[in-house]
Amino acid sequence: MAEENNTPQTEIEVTEEIVEEIIEQSDAEADETEAIDAEEIADESDVEASTLTFKRSHIYAALLPLTFVVGLAVGYIFWGRTTPEATPSAADANTAPVQAEQAAQVQAEPQAQAVQRYDIPEDGDPALGSDEAPITIIEFSDFECPYCRRWHLEVWPQIQATYPDQVRLVYRDFPLSTIHPNATPAAAAANCAGEQDSYWEFNERLFSMELGLDKSAYEQYANQLGLDMDAFNECLDSGRQNDEINGDYEYAANLGVRSTPTFFVNGIPLVGAQPFDVFQNVIEQELAGEIP
């Protein structure tokens, strides 16, 4: 940057010296060619003056990027270091479930401040576990979501084994249909199996992906479970489960859910296929009454 500034400055000094020499020369010869030289000097002065202006403008142009960077730095000093903590409002508080900040609060500073809880209704959706269980996990999930599948295959069995009578799971649908075209039909098939009291068995088969996700697979799963196939197929063909599925989705979207899986452990949000340790930490603190 220093080299770029030196060159324009040198050019300005030389140009000023030329102007002075021309003026001195014009004074010496004023008696002989006063009118002519005066006009030439004026013209040359105008040229040199414009040259001075042009050269300085180059300097100013060269300094503009530096000024912009300095401005950004000053802005950061005054604003970047003093950003206030966000306080959820009625309109945007529901975006919190999409963040993992609440989980971090529970793990790192459980007594520092009250953790945000959400009153999530079960809405008559399938539930697994005792109604008297002190811990209720409400899950918004998608049968075609690989992270949901991993959680159901790896984490949920550990929770069941560790807290057989203390945790209850409620499954609510949140099919990301734009990227998972089979998610809604799979949810409908599971609910149709639920009409014959086989929801959770069908749920397990869907997440196993043993036969994939299509109508043929749903029929085979239903047949394996010994369901009334006429009733099952009638339910699928009627599309009557779609309203319930869409209702779950719209509720969660309005709440602020944006991804799957999203969990609420006694109303405390946990986002993503978190490992068992994360759930265990929250559950243990809830059972001990350590979370405000």
C-alpha atoms as a PDB file:
ATOM      1  CA  MET A   1       0.000   0.000   0.000  1.00  0.00           C
ATOM      2  CA  ALA A   2       2.941   2.304   0.780  1.00  0.00           C
ATOM      3  CA  GLU A   3       4.398   1.951  -2.718  1.00  0.00           C
ATOM      4  CA  GLU A   4       1.072   2.841  -4.339  1.00  0.00           C
ATOM      5  CA  ASN A   5       0.847   6.100  -2.309  1.00  0.00           C
ATOM      6  CA  ASN A   6       4.484   7.186  -2.961  1.00  0.00           C
ATOM      7  CA  THR A   7       4.146   7.300  -6.743  1.00  0.00           C
ATOM      8  CA  PRO A   8       1.192   9.708  -6.912  1.00  0.00           C
ATOM      9  CA  GLN A   9       2.817  11.966  -4.287  1.00  0.00           C
ATOM     10  CA  THR A  10       6.039  12.218  -6.320  1.00  0.00           C
ATOM     11  CA  GLU A  11       4.093  13.086  -9.437  1.00  0.00           C
ATOM     12  CA  ILE A  12       2.331  15.911  -7.609  1.00  0.00           C
ATOM     13  CA  GLU A  13       5.611  17.457  -6.435  1.00  0.00           C
ATOM     14  CA  VAL A  14       7.158  17.401  -9.935  1.00  0.00           C
ATOM     15  CA  THR A  15       4.069  18.966 -11.473  1.00  0.00           C
ATOM     16  CA  GLU A  16       4.111  21.834  -8.953  1.00  0.00           C
ATOM     17  CA  GLU A  17       7.760  22.557  -9.755  1.00  0.00           C
ATOM     18  CA  ILE A  18       6.914  22.722 -13.457  1.00  0.00           C
ATOM     19  CA  VAL A  19       4.189  25.258 -12.748  1.00  0.00           C
ATOM     20  CA  GLU A  20       6.613  27.446 -10.777  1.00  0.00           C
ATOM     21  CA  GLU A  21       9.214  27.296 -13.580  1.00  0.00           C
ATOM     22  CA  ILE A  22       6.653  28.290 -16.181  1.00  0.00           C
ATOM     23  CA  ILE A  23       5.520  31.238 -14.068  1.00  0.00           C
ATOM     24  CA  GLU A  24       9.107  32.421 -13.539  1.00  0.00           C
ATOM     25  CA  GLN A  25       9.862  32.124 -17.261  1.00  0.00           C
ATOM     26  CA  SER A  26       6.750  34.068 -18.135  1.00  0.00           C
ATOM     27  CA  ASP A  27       7.799  36.928 -15.819  1.00  0.00           C
ATOM     28  CA  ALA A  28      11.231  37.179 -17.502  1.00  0.00           C
ATOM     29  CA  GLU A  29       9.822  37.430 -20.990  1.00  0.00           C
ATOM     30  CA  ALA A  30       6.759  39.538 -20.171  1.00  0.00           C
ATOM     31  CA  ASP A  31       7.974  42.659 -22.035  1.00  0.00           C
ATOM     32  CA  GLU A  32       8.358  40.910 -25.386  1.00  0.00           C
ATOM     33  CA  THR A  33       5.434  38.521 -25.565  1.00  0.00           C
ATOM     34  CA  GLU A  34       3.245  39.484 -22.625  1.00  0.00           C
ATOM     35  CA  ALA A  35      -0.130  38.813 -24.162  1.00  0.00           C
ATOM     36  CA  ILE A  36       0.886  35.578 -25.898  1.00  0.00           C
ATOM     37  CA  ASP A  37       2.886  34.138 -22.988  1.00  0.00           C
ATOM     38  CA  ALA A  38       0.265  35.092 -20.455  1.00  0.00           C
ATOM     39  CA  GLU A  39      -2.321  33.148 -22.452  1.00  0.00           C
ATOM     40  CA  GLU A  40       0.030  30.147 -22.818  1.00  0.00           C
ATOM     41  CA  ILE A  41       0.895  30.242 -19.139  1.00  0.00           C
ATOM     42  CA  ALA A  42      -2.774  30.333 -18.260  1.00  0.00           C
ATOM     43  CA  ASP A  43      -3.413  27.378 -20.533  1.00  0.00           C
ATOM     44  CA  GLU A  44      -0.469  25.456 -19.155  1.00  0.00           C
ATOM     45  CA  SER A  45      -1.528  26.297 -15.596  1.00  0.00           C
ATOM     46  CA  ASP A  46      -4.980  24.928 -16.322  1.00  0.00           C
ATOM     47  CA  VAL A  47      -3.443  21.765 -17.707  1.00  0.00           C
ATOM     48  CA  GLU A  48      -1.126  21.367 -14.729  1.00  0.00           C
ATOM     49  CA  ALA A  49      -3.934  22.162 -12.307  1.00  0.00           C
ATOM     50  CA  SER A  50      -6.065  19.474 -13.858  1.00  0.00           C
ATOM     51  CA  THR A  51      -3.083  17.146 -13.650  1.00  0.00           C
ATOM     52  CA  LEU A  52      -2.783  17.877  -9.950  1.00  0.00           C
ATOM     53  CA  THR A  53      -6.463  17.183  -9.462  1.00  0.00           C
ATOM     54  CA  PHE A  54      -6.251  13.953 -11.423  1.00  0.00           C
ATOM     55  CA  LYS A  55      -3.284  12.697  -9.456  1.00  0.00           C
ATOM     56  CA  ARG A  56      -4.878  13.477  -6.116  1.00  0.00           C
ATOM     57  CA  SER A  57      -8.042  11.714  -7.202  1.00  0.00           C
ATOM     58  CA  HIS A  58      -5.939   8.614  -7.723  1.00  0.00           C
ATOM     59  CA  ILE A  59      -4.769   8.871  -4.127  1.00  0.00           C
ATOM     60  CA  TYR A  60      -8.322   9.274  -2.872  1.00  0.00           C
ATOM     61  CA  ALA A  61      -9.429   6.290  -4.928  1.00  0.00           C
ATOM     62  CA  ALA A  62      -6.576   4.250  -3.497  1.00  0.00           C
ATOM     63  CA  LEU A  63      -7.580   5.227   0.054  1.00  0.00           C
ATOM     64  CA  LEU A  64     -11.248   4.291  -0.393  1.00  0.00           C
ATOM     65  CA  PRO A  65     -10.786   0.528   0.184  1.00  0.00           C
ATOM     66  CA  LEU A  66      -8.750   1.233   3.317  1.00  0.00           C
ATOM     67  CA  THR A  67     -11.450   3.587   4.595  1.00  0.00           C
ATOM     68  CA  PHE A  68     -14.102   0.917   3.974  1.00  0.00           C
ATOM     69  CA  VAL A  69     -12.119  -1.695   5.924  1.00  0.00           C
ATOM     70  CA  VAL A  70     -11.550   0.720   8.795  1.00  0.00           C
ATOM     71  CA  GLY A  71     -15.274   1.450   8.843  1.00  0.00           C
ATOM     72  CA  LEU A  72     -16.094  -2.224   9.132  1.00  0.00           C
ATOM     73  CA  ALA A  73     -13.585  -2.611  11.933  1.00  0.00           C
ATOM     74  CA  VAL A  74     -15.041   0.314  13.854  1.00  0.00           C
ATOM     75  CA  GLY A  75     -18.536  -1.041  13.359  1.00  0.00           C
ATOM     76  CA  TYR A  76     -17.483  -4.382  14.751  1.00  0.00           C
ATOM     77  CA  ILE A  77     -15.819  -2.745  17.779  1.00  0.00           C
ATOM     78  CA  PHE A  78     -18.955  -0.808  18.705  1.00  0.00           C
ATOM     79  CA  TRP A  79     -21.645  -3.374  17.732  1.00  0.00           C
ATOM     80  CA  GLY A  80     -20.085  -6.798  17.419  1.00  0.00           C
ATOM     81  CA  ARG A  81     -18.898  -6.950  21.016  1.00  0.00           C
ATOM     82  CA  THR A  82     -22.109  -5.665  22.584  1.00  0.00           C
ATOM     83  CA  THR A  83     -24.794  -7.815  20.958  1.00  0.00           C
ATOM     84  CA  PRO A  84     -27.563  -8.309  23.535  1.00  0.00           C
ATOM     85  CA  GLU A  85     -28.979 -11.725  24.284  1.00  0.00           C
ATOM     86  CA  ALA A  86     -32.082 -12.518  22.282  1.00  0.00           C
ATOM     87  CA  THR A  87     -35.324 -12.667  24.195  1.00  0.00           C
ATOM     88  CA  PRO A  88     -37.985 -14.848  22.585  1.00  0.00           C
ATOM     89  CA  SER A  89     -41.103 -12.930  21.610  1.00  0.00           C
ATOM     90  CA  ALA A  90     -44.512 -14.382  20.896  1.00  0.00           C
ATOM     91  CA  ALA A  91     -43.680 -14.428  17.192  1.00  0.00           C
ATOM     92  CA  ASP A  92     -40.114 -15.723  17.210  1.00  0.00           C
ATOM     93  CA  ALA A  93     -39.793 -17.695  20.442  1.00  0.00           C
ATOM     94  CA  ASN A  94     -40.983 -20.762  18.616  1.00  0.00           C
ATOM     95  CA  THR A  95     -37.861 -20.820  16.450  1.00  0.00           C
ATOM     96  CA  ALA A  96     -35.877 -22.009  19.472  1.00  0.00           C
ATOM     97  CA  PRO A  97     -36.591 -25.697  18.884  1.00  0.00           C
ATOM     98  CA  VAL A  98     -34.503 -25.474  15.746  1.00  0.00           C
ATOM     99  CA  GLN A  99     -31.486 -24.555  17.851  1.00  0.00           C
ATOM    100  CA  ALA A 100     -29.475 -26.765  20.190  1.00  0.00           C
ATOM    101  CA  GLU A 101     -28.881 -23.939  22.666  1.00  0.00           C
ATOM    102  CA  GLN A 102     -31.437 -25.248  25.117  1.00  0.00           C
ATOM    103  CA  ALA A 103     -29.679 -28.608  25.221  1.00  0.00           C
ATOM    104  CA  ALA A 104     -26.393 -26.838  25.906  1.00  0.00           C
ATOM    105  CA  GLN A 105     -27.996 -24.939  28.782  1.00  0.00           C
ATOM    106  CA  VAL A 106     -29.228 -28.165  30.299  1.00  0.00           C
ATOM    107  CA  GLN A 107     -25.816 -29.801  30.083  1.00  0.00           C
ATOM    108  CA  ALA A 108     -23.459 -26.933  30.880  1.00  0.00           C
ATOM    109  CA  GLU A 109     -25.365 -24.649  33.250  1.00  0.00           C
ATOM    110  CA  PRO A 110     -28.534 -26.377  34.453  1.00  0.00           C
ATOM    111  CA  GLN A 111     -28.998 -23.978  37.360  1.00  0.00           C
ATOM    112  CA  ALA A 112     -27.860 -20.744  35.720  1.00  0.00           C
ATOM    113  CA  GLN A 113     -31.325 -19.788  34.503  1.00  0.00           C
ATOM    114  CA  ALA A 114     -34.699 -21.258  33.778  1.00  0.00           C
ATOM    115  CA  VAL A 115     -34.691 -23.489  30.714  1.00  0.00           C
ATOM    116  CA  GLN A 116     -37.299 -22.750  28.068  1.00  0.00           C
ATOM    117  CA  ARG A 117     -40.004 -25.403  28.048  1.00  0.00           C
ATOM    118  CA  TYR A 118     -42.747 -25.831  25.484  1.00  0.00           C
ATOM    119  CA  ASP A 119     -46.210 -27.156  26.171  1.00  0.00           C
ATOM    120  CA  ILE A 120     -46.488 -29.720  23.371  1.00  0.00           C
ATOM    121  CA  PRO A 121     -49.802 -31.593  23.199  1.00  0.00           C
ATOM    122  CA  GLU A 122     -49.756 -35.290  22.392  1.00  0.00           C
ATOM    123  CA  ASP A 123     -52.786 -34.802  20.144  1.00  0.00           C
ATOM    124  CA  GLY A 124     -53.826 -38.443  20.429  1.00  0.00           C
ATOM    125  CA  ASP A 125     -50.721 -39.602  18.564  1.00  0.00           C
ATOM    126  CA  PRO A 126     -49.175 -43.033  19.158  1.00  0.00           C
ATOM    127  CA  ALA A 127     -47.491 -43.349  22.552  1.00  0.00           C
ATOM    128  CA  LEU A 128     -45.218 -46.058  23.902  1.00  0.00           C
ATOM    129  CA  GLY A 129     -44.761 -46.413  27.642  1.00  0.00           C
ATOM    130  CA  SER A 130     -46.680 -45.857  30.852  1.00  0.00           C
ATOM    131  CA  ASP A 131     -49.030 -42.915  31.166  1.00  0.00           C
ATOM    132  CA  GLU A 132     -47.541 -42.481  34.660  1.00  0.00           C
ATOM    133  CA  ALA A 133     -43.964 -42.162  33.408  1.00  0.00           C
ATOM    134  CA  PRO A 134     -42.278 -39.017  34.806  1.00  0.00           C
ATOM    135  CA  ILE A 135     -40.505 -38.344  31.502  1.00  0.00           C
ATOM    136  CA  THR A 136     -42.348 -37.865  28.216  1.00  0.00           C
ATOM    137  CA  ILE A 137     -40.397 -37.530  24.977  1.00  0.00           C
ATOM    138  CA  ILE A 138     -42.429 -36.118  22.097  1.00  0.00           C
ATOM    139  CA  GLU A 139     -40.717 -36.722  18.788  1.00  0.00           C
ATOM    140  CA  PHE A 140     -41.416 -35.003  15.462  1.00  0.00           C
ATOM    141  CA  SER A 141     -40.034 -37.389  12.897  1.00  0.00           C
ATOM    142  CA  ASP A 142     -39.895 -38.612   9.305  1.00  0.00           C
ATOM    143  CA  PHE A 143     -39.748 -42.284   8.266  1.00  0.00           C
ATOM    144  CA  GLU A 144     -37.458 -41.495   5.329  1.00  0.00           C
ATOM    145  CA  CYS A 145     -35.040 -39.418   7.408  1.00  0.00           C
ATOM    146  CA  PRO A 146     -31.745 -41.321   7.922  1.00  0.00           C
ATOM    147  CA  TYR A 147     -31.035 -39.509  11.202  1.00  0.00           C
ATOM    148  CA  CYS A 148     -34.463 -40.443  12.562  1.00  0.00           C
ATOM    149  CA  ARG A 149     -33.785 -44.042  11.611  1.00  0.00           C
ATOM    150  CA  ARG A 150     -30.405 -43.999  13.334  1.00  0.00           C
ATOM    151  CA  TRP A 151     -31.927 -42.602  16.518  1.00  0.00           C
ATOM    152  CA  HIS A 152     -34.637 -45.276  16.585  1.00  0.00           C
ATOM    153  CA  LEU A 153     -32.137 -48.063  15.943  1.00  0.00           C
ATOM    154  CA  GLU A 154     -29.357 -46.894  18.260  1.00  0.00           C
ATOM    155  CA  VAL A 155     -30.548 -44.457  20.918  1.00  0.00           C
ATOM    156  CA  TRP A 156     -34.159 -45.327  21.684  1.00  0.00           C
ATOM    157  CA  PRO A 157     -33.355 -48.976  22.606  1.00  0.00           C
ATOM    158  CA  GLN A 158     -30.786 -47.702  25.140  1.00  0.00           C
ATOM    159  CA  ILE A 159     -33.321 -45.320  26.653  1.00  0.00           C
ATOM    160  CA  GLN A 160     -35.868 -48.130  26.912  1.00  0.00           C
ATOM    161  CA  ALA A 161     -33.343 -50.451  28.549  1.00  0.00           C
ATOM    162  CA  THR A 162     -32.107 -47.806  31.011  1.00  0.00           C
ATOM    163  CA  TYR A 163     -35.475 -46.282  31.922  1.00  0.00           C
ATOM    164  CA  PRO A 164     -38.072 -49.005  31.241  1.00  0.00           C
ATOM    165  CA  ASP A 165     -40.788 -47.470  33.442  1.00  0.00           C
ATOM    166  CA  GLN A 166     -39.704 -43.853  33.539  1.00  0.00           C
ATOM    167  CA  VAL A 167     -39.808 -42.697  29.912  1.00  0.00           C
ATOM    168  CA  ARG A 168     -42.743 -42.499  27.538  1.00  0.00           C
ATOM    169  CA  LEU A 169     -42.322 -41.822  23.789  1.00  0.00           C
ATOM    170  CA  VAL A 170     -44.930 -40.033  21.665  1.00  0.00           C
ATOM    171  CA  TYR A 171     -44.448 -40.108  17.902  1.00  0.00           C
ATOM    172  CA  ARG A 172     -45.734 -37.177  15.860  1.00  0.00           C
ATOM    173  CA  ASP A 173     -45.332 -36.876  12.093  1.00  0.00           C
ATOM    174  CA  PHE A 174     -43.150 -34.268  10.428  1.00  0.00           C
ATOM    175  CA  PRO A 175     -42.638 -35.573   6.873  1.00  0.00           C
ATOM    176  CA  LEU A 176     -40.188 -33.492   4.860  1.00  0.00           C
ATOM    177  CA  SER A 177     -42.011 -34.297   1.650  1.00  0.00           C
ATOM    178  CA  THR A 178     -39.983 -32.003  -0.599  1.00  0.00           C
ATOM    179  CA  ILE A 179     -36.888 -34.145  -0.071  1.00  0.00           C
ATOM    180  CA  HIS A 180     -38.516 -37.361   1.214  1.00  0.00           C
ATOM    181  CA  PRO A 181     -41.371 -38.270  -1.146  1.00  0.00           C
ATOM    182  CA  ASN A 182     -42.063 -41.553   0.680  1.00  0.00           C
ATOM    183  CA  ALA A 183     -42.335 -40.000   4.133  1.00  0.00           C
ATOM    184  CA  THR A 184     -46.046 -39.139   4.041  1.00  0.00           C
ATOM    185  CA  PRO A 185     -47.216 -42.466   2.512  1.00  0.00           C
ATOM    186  CA  ALA A 186     -45.113 -44.308   5.110  1.00  0.00           C
ATOM    187  CA  ALA A 187     -46.672 -42.290   7.912  1.00  0.00           C
ATOM    188  CA  ALA A 188     -50.132 -43.054   6.547  1.00  0.00           C
ATOM    189  CA  ALA A 189     -49.320 -46.775   6.400  1.00  0.00           C
ATOM    190  CA  ALA A 190     -48.117 -46.717  10.012  1.00  0.00           C
ATOM    191  CA  ASN A 191     -51.315 -44.993  11.111  1.00  0.00           C
ATOM    192  CA  CYS A 192     -53.383 -47.535   9.174  1.00  0.00           C
ATOM    193  CA  ALA A 193     -51.546 -50.275  11.064  1.00  0.00           C
ATOM    194  CA  GLY A 194     -52.351 -48.327  14.210  1.00  0.00           C
ATOM    195  CA  GLU A 195     -56.048 -48.757  13.457  1.00  0.00           C
ATOM    196  CA  GLN A 196     -55.399 -52.448  14.089  1.00  0.00           C
ATOM    197  CA  ASP A 197     -53.309 -51.791  17.238  1.00  0.00           C
ATOM    198  CA  SER A 198     -50.006 -52.491  15.499  1.00  0.00           C
ATOM    199  CA  TYR A 199     -48.562 -49.019  15.143  1.00  0.00           C
ATOM    200  CA  TRP A 200     -45.250 -49.552  16.951  1.00  0.00           C
ATOM    201  CA  GLU A 201     -44.553 -52.898  15.324  1.00  0.00           C
ATOM    202  CA  PHE A 202     -45.130 -51.272  11.940  1.00  0.00           C
ATOM    203  CA  ASN A 203     -43.019 -48.291  13.003  1.00  0.00           C
ATOM    204  CA  GLU A 204     -40.091 -50.614  13.719  1.00  0.00           C
ATOM    205  CA  ARG A 205     -40.380 -52.265  10.341  1.00  0.00           C
ATOM    206  CA  LEU A 206     -40.448 -48.937   8.522  1.00  0.00           C
ATOM    207  CA  PHE A 207     -37.283 -47.778  10.260  1.00  0.00           C
ATOM    208  CA  SER A 208     -35.609 -51.124   9.602  1.00  0.00           C
ATOM    209  CA  MET A 209     -35.863 -50.371   5.845  1.00  0.00           C
ATOM    210  CA  GLU A 210     -35.759 -54.118   5.295  1.00  0.00           C
ATOM    211  CA  LEU A 211     -38.065 -53.867   2.292  1.00  0.00           C
ATOM    212  CA  GLY A 212     -37.738 -50.163   1.556  1.00  0.00           C
ATOM    213  CA  LEU A 213     -40.591 -47.650   1.515  1.00  0.00           C
ATOM    214  CA  ASP A 214     -43.326 -48.215  -1.060  1.00  0.00           C
ATOM    215  CA  LYS A 215     -46.826 -49.660  -1.142  1.00  0.00           C
ATOM    216  CA  SER A 216     -45.566 -53.169  -1.822  1.00  0.00           C
ATOM    217  CA  ALA A 217     -43.354 -52.960   1.251  1.00  0.00           C
ATOM    218  CA  TYR A 218     -46.205 -51.618   3.380  1.00  0.00           C
ATOM    219  CA  GLU A 219     -48.411 -54.519   2.330  1.00  0.00           C
ATOM    220  CA  GLN A 220     -45.675 -57.032   3.126  1.00  0.00           C
ATOM    221  CA  TYR A 221     -45.071 -55.466   6.543  1.00  0.00           C
ATOM    222  CA  ALA A 222     -48.800 -55.582   7.235  1.00  0.00           C
ATOM    223  CA  ASN A 223     -48.948 -59.207   6.135  1.00  0.00           C
ATOM    224  CA  GLN A 224     -46.000 -60.084   8.391  1.00  0.00           C
ATOM    225  CA  LEU A 225     -47.900 -58.583  11.320  1.00  0.00           C
ATOM    226  CA  GLY A 226     -51.008 -60.554  10.488  1.00  0.00           C
ATOM    227  CA  LEU A 227     -53.157 -57.491   9.802  1.00  0.00           C
ATOM    228  CA  ASP A 228     -56.498 -57.601   8.036  1.00  0.00           C
ATOM    229  CA  MET A 229     -55.228 -56.792   4.573  1.00  0.00           C
ATOM    230  CA  ASP A 230     -58.572 -55.639   3.197  1.00  0.00           C
ATOM    231  CA  ALA A 231     -58.975 -53.164   6.021  1.00  0.00           C
ATOM    232  CA  PHE A 232     -55.343 -52.074   5.734  1.00  0.00           C
ATOM    233  CA  ASN A 233     -55.533 -51.446   1.996  1.00  0.00           C
ATOM    234  CA  GLU A 234     -58.875 -49.683   2.338  1.00  0.00           C
ATOM    235  CA  CYS A 235     -57.304 -47.350   4.864  1.00  0.00           C
ATOM    236  CA  LEU A 236     -54.348 -46.648   2.572  1.00  0.00           C
ATOM    237  CA  ASP A 237     -56.521 -46.032  -0.471  1.00  0.00           C
ATOM    238  CA  SER A 238     -58.935 -43.738   1.384  1.00  0.00           C
ATOM    239  CA  GLY A 239     -56.234 -41.237   2.332  1.00  0.00           C
ATOM    240  CA  ARG A 240     -58.023 -40.553   5.607  1.00  0.00           C
ATOM    241  CA  GLN A 241     -54.758 -40.438   7.566  1.00  0.00           C
ATOM    242  CA  ASN A 242     -53.449 -37.470   5.600  1.00  0.00           C
ATOM    243  CA  ASP A 243     -55.349 -34.869   7.617  1.00  0.00           C
ATOM    244  CA  GLU A 244     -53.797 -36.087  10.839  1.00  0.00           C
ATOM    245  CA  ILE A 245     -50.309 -36.168   9.310  1.00  0.00           C
ATOM    246  CA  ASN A 246     -50.680 -32.677   7.849  1.00  0.00           C
ATOM    247  CA  GLY A 247     -52.009 -31.424  11.169  1.00  0.00           C
ATOM    248  CA  ASP A 248     -48.894 -32.657  12.972  1.00  0.00           C
ATOM    249  CA  TYR A 249     -46.684 -31.059  10.366  1.00  0.00           C
ATOM    250  CA  GLU A 250     -48.429 -27.681  10.448  1.00  0.00           C
ATOM    251  CA  TYR A 251     -48.384 -27.561  14.238  1.00  0.00           C
ATOM    252  CA  ALA A 252     -44.665 -28.287  14.396  1.00  0.00           C
ATOM    253  CA  ALA A 253     -43.823 -25.861  11.590  1.00  0.00           C
ATOM    254  CA  ASN A 254     -45.743 -23.074  13.354  1.00  0.00           C
ATOM    255  CA  LEU A 255     -43.892 -23.946  16.536  1.00  0.00           C
ATOM    256  CA  GLY A 256     -40.562 -23.457  14.783  1.00  0.00           C
ATOM    257  CA  VAL A 257     -39.527 -27.029  13.978  1.00  0.00           C
ATOM    258  CA  ARG A 258     -37.473 -27.091  10.786  1.00  0.00           C
ATOM    259  CA  SER A 259     -35.655 -30.416  10.818  1.00  0.00           C
ATOM    260  CA  THR A 260     -35.985 -34.017  11.871  1.00  0.00           C
ATOM    261  CA  PRO A 261     -35.771 -35.486  14.314  1.00  0.00           C
ATOM    262  CA  THR A 262     -36.778 -32.838  16.847  1.00  0.00           C
ATOM    263  CA  PHE A 263     -37.567 -33.917  20.417  1.00  0.00           C
ATOM    264  CA  PHE A 264     -39.193 -32.333  23.446  1.00  0.00           C
ATOM    265  CA  VAL A 265     -38.164 -33.973  26.711  1.00  0.00           C
ATOM    266  CA  ASN A 266     -40.798 -32.828  29.195  1.00  0.00           C
ATOM    267  CA  GLY A 267     -41.053 -29.786  26.944  1.00  0.00           C
ATOM    268  CA  ILE A 268     -37.296 -29.174  26.710  1.00  0.00           C
ATOM    269  CA  PRO A 269     -36.216 -29.154  23.043  1.00  0.00           C
ATOM    270  CA  LEU A 270     -33.445 -31.343  21.722  1.00  0.00           C
ATOM    271  CA  VAL A 271     -32.719 -31.092  18.005  1.00  0.00           C
ATOM    272  CA  GLY A 272     -31.185 -33.826  15.895  1.00  0.00           C
ATOM    273  CA  ALA A 273     -30.240 -37.459  16.458  1.00  0.00           C
ATOM    274  CA  GLN A 274     -28.409 -36.676  19.685  1.00  0.00           C
ATOM    275  CA  PRO A 275     -26.469 -39.550  21.273  1.00  0.00           C
ATOM    276  CA  PHE A 276     -27.727 -41.450  24.279  1.00  0.00           C
ATOM    277  CA  ASP A 277     -25.494 -39.473  26.667  1.00  0.00           C
ATOM    278  CA  VAL A 278     -27.310 -36.231  25.837  1.00  0.00           C
ATOM    279  CA  PHE A 279     -30.728 -37.741  26.520  1.00  0.00           C
ATOM    280  CA  GLN A 280     -29.472 -39.458  29.648  1.00  0.00           C
ATOM    281  CA  ASN A 281     -28.115 -36.193  31.001  1.00  0.00           C
ATOM    282  CA  VAL A 282     -31.430 -34.400  30.528  1.00  0.00           C
ATOM    283  CA  ILE A 283     -33.464 -37.327  31.868  1.00  0.00           C
ATOM    284  CA  GLU A 284     -31.301 -37.691  34.983  1.00  0.00           C
ATOM    285  CA  GLN A 285     -31.525 -33.996  35.768  1.00  0.00           C
ATOM    286  CA  GLU A 286     -35.288 -34.034  35.226  1.00  0.00           C
ATOM    287  CA  LEU A 287     -35.715 -37.026  37.544  1.00  0.00           C
ATOM    288  CA  ALA A 288     -33.572 -35.288  40.180  1.00  0.00           C
ATOM    289  CA  GLY A 289     -35.557 -32.042  39.821  1.00  0.00           C
ATOM    290  CA  GLU A 290     -32.423 -30.094  38.937  1.00  0.00           C
ATOM    291  CA  ILE A 291     -33.825 -28.302  35.894  1.00  0.00           C
ATOM    292  CA  PRO A 292     -35.886 -25.195  36.730  1.00  0.00           C
END
